[in-house]
């Protein structure tokens, strides 16, 4: 009888670990989905070319990032440069 009880204890422990791991990982996935939406609230500090520190709302920043090409960078430099 003791052998049957030990075997059932092992299977119940294994089931408990599998179920609890699945629940914790599912909760973390759901939390990450909702936390990303709330991260857009608030402000971020940026330094301008003149050296002043400004705060910008995060909702005004684009969500998709893209790489700036050289022609666009050169046009920004010449446009913002004071002669």
N, C-alpha and C. Protein backbone atom coordinates (compact mmCIF):
# COMPACT_ATOMS: atom_id res chain seq x y z
N UNK A 1 0.80 -1.19 0.00
CA UNK A 1 0.00 0.00 0.00
C UNK A 1 0.85 1.27 0.00
N UNK A 2 1.97 1.22 0.71
CA UNK A 2 2.81 2.41 0.76
C UNK A 2 3.38 2.74 -0.61
N UNK A 3 3.68 1.73 -1.38
CA UNK A 3 4.23 1.96 -2.72
C UNK A 3 3.22 2.68 -3.60
N UNK A 4 1.97 2.32 -3.52
CA UNK A 4 0.94 2.98 -4.32
C UNK A 4 0.77 4.43 -3.88
N UNK A 5 0.87 4.69 -2.64
CA UNK A 5 0.72 6.06 -2.15
C UNK A 5 1.90 6.93 -2.60
N UNK A 6 3.11 6.38 -2.58
CA UNK A 6 4.28 7.15 -3.02
C UNK A 6 4.20 7.45 -4.51
N UNK A 7 3.71 6.49 -5.29
CA UNK A 7 3.58 6.71 -6.73
C UNK A 7 2.52 7.77 -7.01
N UNK A 8 1.44 7.73 -6.28
CA UNK A 8 0.40 8.74 -6.50
C UNK A 8 0.87 10.11 -6.02
N UNK A 9 1.70 10.15 -5.00
CA UNK A 9 2.25 11.43 -4.54
C UNK A 9 3.17 12.01 -5.59
N UNK A 10 4.00 11.18 -6.23
CA UNK A 10 4.89 11.66 -7.28
C UNK A 10 4.12 12.22 -8.45
N UNK A 11 3.06 11.52 -8.87
CA UNK A 11 2.28 12.02 -10.01
C UNK A 11 1.52 13.28 -9.63
N UNK A 12 1.03 13.36 -8.41
CA UNK A 12 0.30 14.57 -8.03
C UNK A 12 1.26 15.75 -7.90
N UNK A 13 2.47 15.53 -7.44
CA UNK A 13 3.47 16.61 -7.39
C UNK A 13 3.81 17.09 -8.80
N UNK A 14 3.99 16.14 -9.70
CA UNK A 14 4.33 16.49 -11.07
C UNK A 14 3.19 17.29 -11.71
N UNK A 15 1.96 16.84 -11.50
CA UNK A 15 0.81 17.57 -12.03
C UNK A 15 0.73 18.97 -11.42
N UNK A 16 0.98 19.06 -10.12
CA UNK A 16 0.94 20.36 -9.46
C UNK A 16 2.01 21.29 -10.03
N UNK A 17 3.22 20.79 -10.24
CA UNK A 17 4.28 21.61 -10.79
C UNK A 17 3.97 22.05 -12.22
N UNK A 18 3.44 21.16 -13.03
CA UNK A 18 3.12 21.51 -14.41
C UNK A 18 2.01 22.55 -14.45
N UNK A 19 0.97 22.35 -13.67
CA UNK A 19 -0.16 23.28 -13.67
C UNK A 19 0.26 24.63 -13.11
N UNK A 20 1.01 24.64 -12.02
CA UNK A 20 1.43 25.91 -11.44
C UNK A 20 2.39 26.66 -12.36
N UNK A 21 3.28 25.95 -13.04
CA UNK A 21 4.19 26.60 -13.99
C UNK A 21 3.41 27.20 -15.15
N UNK A 22 2.41 26.48 -15.64
CA UNK A 22 1.59 27.00 -16.73
C UNK A 22 0.80 28.23 -16.29
N UNK A 23 0.27 28.22 -15.09
CA UNK A 23 -0.48 29.37 -14.58
C UNK A 23 0.41 30.60 -14.40
N UNK A 24 1.59 30.40 -13.84
CA UNK A 24 2.51 31.52 -13.62
C UNK A 24 2.97 32.10 -14.94
N UNK A 25 3.33 31.24 -15.88
CA UNK A 25 3.79 31.75 -17.17
C UNK A 25 2.66 32.44 -17.93
N UNK A 26 1.45 31.92 -17.85
CA UNK A 26 0.30 32.57 -18.48
C UNK A 26 0.02 33.93 -17.86
N UNK A 27 0.12 34.02 -16.54
CA UNK A 27 -0.09 35.30 -15.86
C UNK A 27 0.97 36.31 -16.26
N UNK A 28 2.21 35.87 -16.42
CA UNK A 28 3.28 36.78 -16.83
C UNK A 28 3.07 37.29 -18.25
N UNK A 29 2.60 36.42 -19.14
CA UNK A 29 2.33 36.84 -20.52
C UNK A 29 1.22 37.88 -20.54
N UNK A 30 0.14 37.63 -19.82
CA UNK A 30 -0.96 38.59 -19.76
C UNK A 30 -0.52 39.91 -19.14
N UNK A 31 0.29 39.85 -18.12
CA UNK A 31 0.77 41.06 -17.46
C UNK A 31 1.62 41.88 -18.43
N UNK A 32 2.48 41.22 -19.18
CA UNK A 32 3.33 41.93 -20.14
C UNK A 32 2.51 42.57 -21.25
N UNK A 33 1.44 41.95 -21.65
CA UNK A 33 0.59 42.54 -22.68
C UNK A 33 -0.05 43.84 -22.19
N UNK A 34 -0.50 43.86 -20.95
CA UNK A 34 -1.17 45.03 -20.42
C UNK A 34 -0.18 46.10 -19.95
N UNK A 35 0.99 45.72 -19.52
CA UNK A 35 1.98 46.68 -19.06
C UNK A 35 2.53 47.49 -20.22
N UNK A 36 2.64 46.92 -21.39
CA UNK A 36 3.14 47.66 -22.55
C UNK A 36 2.22 48.81 -22.91
N UNK A 37 0.93 48.63 -22.72
CA UNK A 37 -0.02 49.70 -23.02
C UNK A 37 0.12 50.83 -22.00
N UNK A 38 0.39 50.51 -20.77
CA UNK A 38 0.45 51.55 -19.74
C UNK A 38 1.80 52.26 -19.73
N UNK A 39 2.82 51.72 -20.39
CA UNK A 39 4.11 52.38 -20.42
C UNK A 39 4.09 53.66 -21.24
N UNK A 40 3.07 53.86 -22.07
CA UNK A 40 2.99 55.04 -22.91
C UNK A 40 2.58 56.28 -22.11
N UNK A 41 2.20 56.13 -20.87
CA UNK A 41 1.81 57.26 -20.05
C UNK A 41 3.06 57.85 -19.41
N UNK A 42 3.12 59.15 -19.35
CA UNK A 42 4.24 59.80 -18.70
C UNK A 42 5.02 60.65 -19.67
N UNK A 43 6.19 61.06 -19.22
CA UNK A 43 7.04 61.93 -20.03
C UNK A 43 8.45 61.36 -20.10
N UNK A 44 9.18 61.81 -21.10
CA UNK A 44 10.58 61.45 -21.27
C UNK A 44 11.38 62.73 -21.44
N UNK A 45 12.60 62.73 -20.97
CA UNK A 45 13.45 63.91 -21.07
C UNK A 45 14.40 63.75 -22.25
N UNK A 46 14.50 64.82 -23.06
CA UNK A 46 15.38 64.82 -24.21
C UNK A 46 16.21 66.09 -24.19
N UNK A 47 17.40 66.01 -24.77
CA UNK A 47 18.30 67.14 -24.86
C UNK A 47 18.27 67.67 -26.28
N UNK A 48 18.00 68.97 -26.44
CA UNK A 48 17.95 69.57 -27.77
C UNK A 48 19.35 69.92 -28.23
N UNK A 49 19.46 70.36 -29.49
CA UNK A 49 20.77 70.73 -30.02
C UNK A 49 21.33 71.95 -29.31
N UNK A 50 20.46 72.82 -28.83
CA UNK A 50 20.92 74.02 -28.13
C UNK A 50 21.40 73.71 -26.72
N UNK A 51 21.11 72.52 -26.24
CA UNK A 51 21.58 72.12 -24.93
C UNK A 51 20.54 72.27 -23.83
N UNK A 52 19.29 72.53 -24.19
CA UNK A 52 18.25 72.65 -23.18
C UNK A 52 17.55 71.30 -23.02
N UNK A 53 17.13 71.03 -21.80
CA UNK A 53 16.46 69.78 -21.48
C UNK A 53 14.96 70.00 -21.58
N UNK A 54 14.28 69.18 -22.37
CA UNK A 54 12.83 69.30 -22.54
C UNK A 54 12.17 67.98 -22.19
N UNK A 55 10.90 68.07 -21.73
CA UNK A 55 10.12 66.88 -21.43
C UNK A 55 9.04 66.74 -22.49
N UNK A 56 8.89 65.53 -23.02
CA UNK A 56 7.93 65.26 -24.08
C UNK A 56 7.04 64.11 -23.62
N UNK A 57 5.72 64.25 -23.87
CA UNK A 57 4.80 63.17 -23.55
C UNK A 57 5.11 61.95 -24.41
N UNK A 58 5.08 60.78 -23.80
CA UNK A 58 5.39 59.55 -24.53
C UNK A 58 4.34 59.23 -25.58
N UNK A 59 3.12 59.72 -25.40
CA UNK A 59 2.09 59.44 -26.40
C UNK A 59 2.35 60.19 -27.70
N UNK A 60 3.19 61.23 -27.68
CA UNK A 60 3.53 61.98 -28.88
C UNK A 60 4.68 61.36 -29.67
N UNK A 61 5.38 60.42 -29.07
CA UNK A 61 6.49 59.76 -29.75
C UNK A 61 5.97 58.61 -30.61
N UNK A 62 6.58 58.37 -31.75
CA UNK A 62 6.11 57.25 -32.59
C UNK A 62 6.46 55.91 -31.93
N UNK A 63 5.59 54.94 -32.13
CA UNK A 63 5.81 53.64 -31.52
C UNK A 63 6.76 52.78 -32.35
N UNK A 64 6.77 52.98 -33.67
CA UNK A 64 7.66 52.21 -34.53
C UNK A 64 8.97 52.96 -34.69
N UNK A 65 10.06 52.23 -34.51
CA UNK A 65 11.38 52.83 -34.66
C UNK A 65 11.88 52.57 -36.07
N UNK A 66 12.60 53.53 -36.61
CA UNK A 66 13.19 53.33 -37.93
C UNK A 66 14.57 53.97 -37.94
N UNK A 67 15.41 53.47 -38.80
CA UNK A 67 16.77 53.97 -38.90
C UNK A 67 16.79 55.19 -39.81
N UNK A 68 17.53 56.21 -39.41
CA UNK A 68 17.64 57.44 -40.20
C UNK A 68 18.74 57.25 -41.23
N UNK A 69 18.43 57.60 -42.49
CA UNK A 69 19.47 57.46 -43.51
C UNK A 69 20.34 58.72 -43.52
N UNK A 70 21.47 58.65 -44.21
CA UNK A 70 22.45 59.73 -44.20
C UNK A 70 21.92 61.02 -44.80
N UNK A 71 21.15 60.94 -45.89
CA UNK A 71 20.61 62.14 -46.52
C UNK A 71 19.67 62.90 -45.59
N UNK A 72 18.86 62.17 -44.86
CA UNK A 72 17.94 62.80 -43.92
C UNK A 72 18.72 63.45 -42.77
N UNK A 73 19.74 62.80 -42.30
CA UNK A 73 20.56 63.35 -41.23
C UNK A 73 21.26 64.63 -41.67
N UNK A 74 21.80 64.65 -42.88
CA UNK A 74 22.49 65.84 -43.39
C UNK A 74 21.50 66.99 -43.53
N UNK A 75 20.28 66.71 -43.98
CA UNK A 75 19.29 67.78 -44.12
C UNK A 75 18.90 68.35 -42.76
N UNK A 76 18.86 67.52 -41.72
CA UNK A 76 18.55 68.01 -40.39
C UNK A 76 19.68 68.91 -39.89
N UNK A 77 20.91 68.51 -40.13
CA UNK A 77 22.05 69.29 -39.65
C UNK A 77 22.08 70.66 -40.32
N UNK A 78 21.91 70.71 -41.64
CA UNK A 78 21.96 71.98 -42.34
C UNK A 78 20.76 72.85 -42.03
N UNK A 79 19.61 72.24 -41.82
CA UNK A 79 18.41 73.00 -41.53
C UNK A 79 18.48 73.65 -40.14
N UNK A 80 19.07 72.94 -39.18
CA UNK A 80 19.11 73.42 -37.80
C UNK A 80 20.37 74.18 -37.47
N UNK A 81 21.31 74.25 -38.38
CA UNK A 81 22.56 74.94 -38.10
C UNK A 81 22.39 76.44 -38.29
N UNK A 82 22.87 77.19 -37.29
CA UNK A 82 22.77 78.64 -37.35
C UNK A 82 24.08 79.21 -37.90
N UNK A 83 23.98 80.03 -38.92
CA UNK A 83 25.19 80.63 -39.52
C UNK A 83 25.46 81.98 -38.97
